[in-house]
Amino acid sequence: MEIVFVLLPISLFLIGLAIAIFVWAVNSGQFDDLDRQGYEILFERDKNKDNEKNKDKEKNRISHDSAGDES
């Protein structure tokens, strides 16, 4: 019976902590856009194209920089 006096405050503390974390998550915008992650897989190809374009731009910049050093 004495264990109830230990477990009850611990359980109330854990419940309060869970509620506080949930309220923090709602207020910080964690649940604002639930659909974005689902649609992200559909547009993965576009991300790869953007990454390839950025790599090409970087290669061009490096080749132009190194060409200027040689002259």
Protein backbone atom coordinates (compact mmCIF):
# COMPACT_ATOMS: atom_id res chain seq x y z
CA MET A 1 0.00 0.00 0.00
CA GLU A 2 2.90 2.35 0.69
CA ILE A 3 4.04 2.05 -2.92
CA VAL A 4 0.96 4.04 -3.98
CA PHE A 5 2.39 7.07 -2.17
CA VAL A 6 5.50 6.80 -4.36
CA LEU A 7 3.94 5.86 -7.67
CA LEU A 8 1.11 8.40 -7.61
CA PRO A 9 3.37 11.51 -7.50
CA ILE A 10 5.70 9.99 -10.09
CA SER A 11 2.82 9.24 -12.46
CA LEU A 12 1.32 12.71 -11.97
CA PHE A 13 4.70 14.27 -12.71
CA LEU A 14 5.10 12.21 -15.90
CA ILE A 15 1.59 13.08 -17.07
CA GLY A 16 2.25 16.76 -16.43
CA LEU A 17 5.54 16.52 -18.32
CA ALA A 18 3.83 14.84 -21.29
CA ILE A 19 1.15 17.53 -21.39
CA ALA A 20 3.78 20.28 -21.18
CA ILE A 21 5.74 18.76 -24.07
CA PHE A 22 2.57 18.44 -26.15
CA VAL A 23 1.61 22.07 -25.49
CA TRP A 24 5.14 23.18 -26.40
CA ALA A 25 4.97 21.19 -29.66
CA VAL A 26 1.62 22.71 -30.62
CA ASN A 27 2.77 26.26 -29.83
CA SER A 28 6.06 25.88 -31.70
CA GLY A 29 4.31 24.83 -34.92
CA GLN A 30 5.20 21.15 -35.01
CA PHE A 31 1.73 20.23 -36.27
CA ASP A 32 1.15 23.11 -38.70
CA ASP A 33 2.04 21.32 -41.95
CA LEU A 34 1.27 17.63 -41.77
CA ASP A 35 1.01 17.13 -45.54
CA ARG A 36 4.45 18.40 -46.58
CA GLN A 37 6.29 15.22 -45.61
CA GLY A 38 3.83 13.12 -47.57
CA TYR A 39 4.25 15.18 -50.73
CA GLU A 40 8.04 15.42 -50.41
CA ILE A 41 8.54 11.98 -51.93
CA LEU A 42 6.61 13.04 -55.02
CA PHE A 43 8.95 15.95 -55.69
CA GLU A 44 12.24 14.19 -54.95
CA ARG A 45 13.26 14.39 -58.60
CA ASP A 46 12.98 18.18 -58.53
CA LYS A 47 15.33 18.33 -55.56
CA ASN A 48 17.88 16.20 -57.40
CA LYS A 49 17.68 18.50 -60.42
CA ASP A 50 18.27 21.52 -58.20
CA ASN A 51 21.26 19.80 -56.60
CA GLU A 52 22.68 18.97 -60.04
CA LYS A 53 22.23 22.58 -61.17
CA ASN A 54 24.04 23.82 -58.07
CA LYS A 55 26.89 21.37 -58.67
CA ASP A 56 27.18 22.51 -62.31
CA LYS A 57 27.27 26.15 -61.22
CA GLU A 58 29.98 25.32 -58.69
CA LYS A 59 32.04 23.48 -61.33
CA ASN A 60 31.71 26.42 -63.72
CA ARG A 61 32.74 28.86 -61.01
CA ILE A 62 35.77 26.78 -60.10
CA SER A 63 36.82 26.39 -63.75
CA HIS A 64 36.46 30.16 -64.32
CA ASP A 65 38.43 30.92 -61.16
CA SER A 66 41.25 28.57 -62.10
CA ALA A 67 41.35 29.91 -65.68
CA GLY A 68 41.83 33.42 -64.33
CA ASP A 69 44.75 32.31 -62.17
CA GLU A 70 46.70 30.88 -65.11
CA SER A 71 46.77 34.09 -67.22
